[in-house]
Every structure is written in C-alpha cells, then in structure tokens.
Protein backbone atom coordinates (compact mmCIF):
# COMPACT_ATOMS: atom_id res chain seq x y z
CA UNK A 1 5.87 1.68 1.15
CA UNK A 2 7.96 -0.62 3.16
CA UNK A 3 6.22 -3.31 2.86
CA UNK A 4 9.04 -5.89 3.01
CA UNK A 5 10.64 -4.44 6.42
CA UNK A 6 7.44 -4.00 7.81
CA UNK A 7 6.79 -8.33 6.88
CA UNK A 8 9.85 -8.40 8.77
CA UNK A 9 9.20 -6.44 11.46
CA UNK A 10 5.97 -7.94 12.08
CA UNK A 11 7.21 -11.15 14.01
CA UNK A 12 9.44 -9.22 16.38
CA UNK A 13 6.98 -8.93 19.75
CA UNK A 14 8.90 -5.41 20.20
CA UNK A 15 6.70 -1.58 20.09
CA UNK A 16 7.69 -0.32 16.31
CA UNK A 17 8.03 3.08 14.52
CA UNK A 18 8.09 3.30 10.57
CA UNK A 19 10.83 5.59 9.86
CA UNK A 20 10.16 7.28 5.97
CA UNK A 21 13.77 8.51 5.53
CA UNK A 22 14.98 4.83 5.70
CA UNK A 23 13.37 3.47 2.85
CA UNK A 24 15.18 1.95 -0.29
CA UNK A 25 16.46 4.28 -2.83
CA UNK A 26 13.98 5.07 -5.43
CA UNK A 27 14.93 3.94 -8.85
CA UNK A 28 11.78 5.62 -10.36
CA UNK A 29 11.00 4.70 -14.03
CA UNK A 30 13.40 1.74 -13.24
CA UNK A 31 11.79 0.57 -10.15
CA UNK A 32 11.17 -3.42 -10.10
CA UNK A 33 13.39 -3.63 -13.08
CA UNK A 34 15.80 -6.28 -13.15
CA UNK A 35 19.96 -5.38 -13.79
CA UNK A 36 19.66 -6.93 -17.12
CA UNK A 37 16.47 -5.28 -17.72
CA UNK A 38 17.59 -2.03 -17.39
CA UNK A 39 21.08 -3.01 -19.58
CA UNK A 40 18.85 -3.91 -22.03
CA UNK A 41 15.73 -1.46 -22.54
CA UNK A 42 17.86 1.71 -21.08
CA UNK A 43 21.61 1.25 -22.06
CA UNK A 44 22.30 4.40 -21.74
CA UNK A 45 21.34 5.16 -17.85
CA UNK A 46 22.67 2.22 -17.25
CA UNK A 47 26.24 2.96 -19.18
CA UNK A 48 25.91 6.41 -16.53
CA UNK A 49 25.00 4.12 -13.37
CA UNK A 50 28.03 2.60 -13.44
CA UNK A 51 29.92 5.52 -14.25
CA UNK A 52 29.10 7.28 -11.15
CA UNK A 53 26.29 4.97 -9.43
CA UNK A 54 27.00 7.58 -6.14
CA UNK A 55 25.59 10.31 -8.01
CA UNK A 56 23.34 9.02 -10.93
CA UNK A 57 19.79 9.72 -9.87
CA UNK A 58 17.38 7.46 -11.29
CA UNK A 59 14.83 8.70 -13.83
CA UNK A 60 12.15 10.56 -12.29
CA UNK A 61 13.93 8.96 -8.15
CA UNK A 62 17.05 9.29 -6.56
CA UNK A 63 20.50 9.15 -6.46
CA UNK A 64 22.65 8.04 -3.73
CA UNK A 65 23.36 10.90 -2.44
CA UNK A 66 19.94 11.86 -2.51
CA UNK A 67 19.31 9.03 0.17
CA UNK A 68 22.55 9.95 2.12
CA UNK A 69 20.83 13.58 2.74
CA UNK A 70 17.41 11.86 3.77
CA UNK A 71 18.97 9.65 6.23
CA UNK A 72 21.52 12.43 8.17
CA UNK A 73 19.07 13.51 9.92
CA UNK A 74 18.23 10.14 11.59
CA UNK A 75 22.03 9.49 12.17
CA UNK A 76 21.53 11.52 14.99
CA UNK A 77 18.96 9.65 16.46
CA UNK A 78 20.77 6.67 16.30
CA UNK A 79 23.36 7.94 18.53
CA UNK A 80 20.82 8.69 21.21
CA UNK A 81 19.23 5.00 21.72
CA UNK A 82 20.21 2.05 23.62
CA UNK A 83 18.87 -0.31 21.71
CA UNK A 84 17.77 0.16 18.38
CA UNK A 85 16.45 -2.45 15.55
CA UNK A 86 16.76 -1.20 12.17
CA UNK A 87 15.00 -3.00 8.97
CA UNK A 88 16.20 -1.51 5.94
CA UNK A 89 17.49 -2.24 1.89
CA UNK A 90 20.94 -2.04 1.26
CA UNK A 91 21.09 0.67 -0.53
CA UNK A 92 19.77 2.84 2.94
CA UNK A 93 21.68 0.54 5.22
CA UNK A 94 25.17 1.54 3.09
CA UNK A 95 23.87 4.82 2.97
CA UNK A 96 23.51 4.35 7.15
CA UNK A 97 26.68 2.24 7.84
CA UNK A 98 28.93 5.22 5.77
CA UNK A 99 27.46 7.85 7.73
CA UNK A 100 27.96 5.91 11.02
CA UNK A 101 31.17 4.73 10.34
CA UNK A 102 32.96 7.61 8.46
CA UNK A 103 33.50 5.88 5.43
CA UNK A 104 34.23 8.20 2.58
CA UNK A 105 31.51 8.51 0.50
CA UNK A 106 33.12 7.54 -3.24
CA UNK A 107 33.11 4.08 -1.70
CA UNK A 108 29.53 4.08 -0.67
CA UNK A 109 28.11 2.60 -3.56
CA UNK A 110 30.26 -0.44 -3.13
CA UNK A 111 30.18 -1.64 0.18
CA UNK A 112 29.16 -5.30 1.15
CA UNK A 113 25.86 -5.07 2.87
CA UNK A 114 24.92 -8.74 3.39
CA UNK A 115 21.37 -10.00 2.71
CA UNK A 116 19.79 -12.14 5.66
CA UNK A 117 22.09 -10.24 8.40
CA UNK A 118 21.72 -8.85 11.66
CA UNK A 119 24.30 -6.62 11.63
CA UNK A 120 25.08 -4.98 15.36
CA UNK A 121 26.53 -2.03 15.64
CA UNK A 122 28.21 -1.00 19.47
CA UNK A 123 28.36 2.53 19.73
CA UNK A 124 30.58 3.92 22.25
CA UNK A 125 30.68 7.64 21.24
CA UNK A 126 31.38 8.21 18.17
CA UNK A 127 33.31 5.02 17.72
CA UNK A 128 31.22 1.99 16.26
CA UNK A 129 32.08 -1.80 15.87
CA UNK A 130 30.45 -4.00 13.45
CA UNK A 131 29.59 -7.50 14.24
CA UNK A 132 27.47 -9.52 11.19
CA UNK A 133 26.02 -12.14 13.16
CA UNK A 134 24.22 -14.09 9.37
CA UNK A 135 20.72 -16.07 9.56
CA UNK A 136 20.72 -19.13 8.24
CA UNK A 137 18.70 -18.56 5.02
CA UNK A 138 19.95 -19.48 1.49
CA UNK A 139 20.21 -16.66 -0.97
CA UNK A 140 21.81 -15.42 -3.94
CA UNK A 141 24.80 -12.95 -3.39
CA UNK A 142 23.69 -9.96 -4.98
CA UNK A 143 26.69 -7.73 -4.64
CA UNK A 144 28.00 -5.35 -7.33
CA UNK A 145 31.74 -4.83 -8.26
CA UNK A 146 32.49 -1.54 -9.74
CA UNK A 147 32.30 -2.14 -13.42
CA UNK A 148 35.60 -1.20 -15.07
CA UNK A 149 33.86 -1.10 -18.99
CA UNK A 150 31.09 2.05 -18.24
CA UNK A 151 30.96 3.10 -22.13
CA UNK A 152 27.73 3.88 -23.58
CA UNK A 153 28.17 1.35 -26.45
CA UNK A 154 29.42 -1.00 -24.53
CA UNK A 155 27.64 -4.19 -25.31
CA UNK A 156 24.96 -6.38 -23.37
CA UNK A 157 27.47 -9.29 -22.23
CA UNK A 158 29.76 -6.08 -21.20
CA UNK A 159 26.97 -4.45 -19.28
CA UNK A 160 25.95 -7.17 -17.37
CA UNK A 161 29.86 -8.81 -16.32
CA UNK A 162 29.40 -7.29 -13.04
CA UNK A 163 26.15 -8.43 -12.62
CA UNK A 164 25.69 -11.17 -10.27
CA UNK A 165 25.55 -14.72 -11.97
CA UNK A 166 27.09 -13.00 -14.84
CA UNK A 167 30.94 -13.25 -14.26
C-alpha cells in the first residue's frame, strides 16, 4: 500500500507520516489492469464506469465518491498545517483538490492532475491558490476525456477512443 508514493518520499529528508486515507482508489478485481484490458475483458464494467465515473464502484473496490468520503477527514488537517507535502496518486489528488477548491463533484473524475508535477497550494483561510511546478521528466499524458459513447454494446475501438494513445 502506497508503495510508489513511499518510494518517491524516500528521497525527501524530512519527517514523514503515512496517511492511509490518501491511498489510491481501490480498483478491486481490476487492479493493475490497463484501460484496454478492462475494456476487452469486462466491457460491461468499462461502459458502466464511462457512463458514471463519479459513482461507479469497481467490483470489490471503490468509487470516486468512496474516495471522497475517505479523504474528507484529512481536509481539515490540511487547512491546519503551515507546510505540508502530500505525495499521492491522480485519483486521490483529484478528490483532495476538489474538496479544497470547492469544485463540483460531477467534474471530479475529469479534473486534470498532471503527472510529475509538484502542485503547490497556497492557503489563505479557505482561499486556495494553485501553482503547478512541472518536473523535467518525460512521461505520457494519462488524462482521459469523458467519452461520448458509453453504450454497453460499443466495440473495443469505440470503448477506447478516449484512452490516451487511441484517439
């Protein structure tokens, strides 16, 4: 749990706390599968998630709303800290940012959270300023737009049209 985030944090010479509430979304039975693998092996599940990504719960896993509920208690702690570094994953960071910024929950699954970026938040009371500091690391863009076709009977090409590298 939190293996990749702990690997990132090991190079930071500062006291660390592991907060299980900011762990990545639990993809349950589909954990470690690619979008393409899920679309091919579980087309119904893939379509259902595309249809309502906010509320869709992975089989034996979590939904974005589950992650929001898990992260909510941590938000008050964030507002109480003077200097805090959070190392986490995109889905969890979408939830944290949505709660901090007061963004609409319906937009949460499609919030852009860039990889290999330090997202600096400057808090002034309940006002939040966001500053992105992009690290010089070559990487792919894993952002996936909301698909237009969420039909359960769509073919694999239509299902993966918004998967990065397939458009």
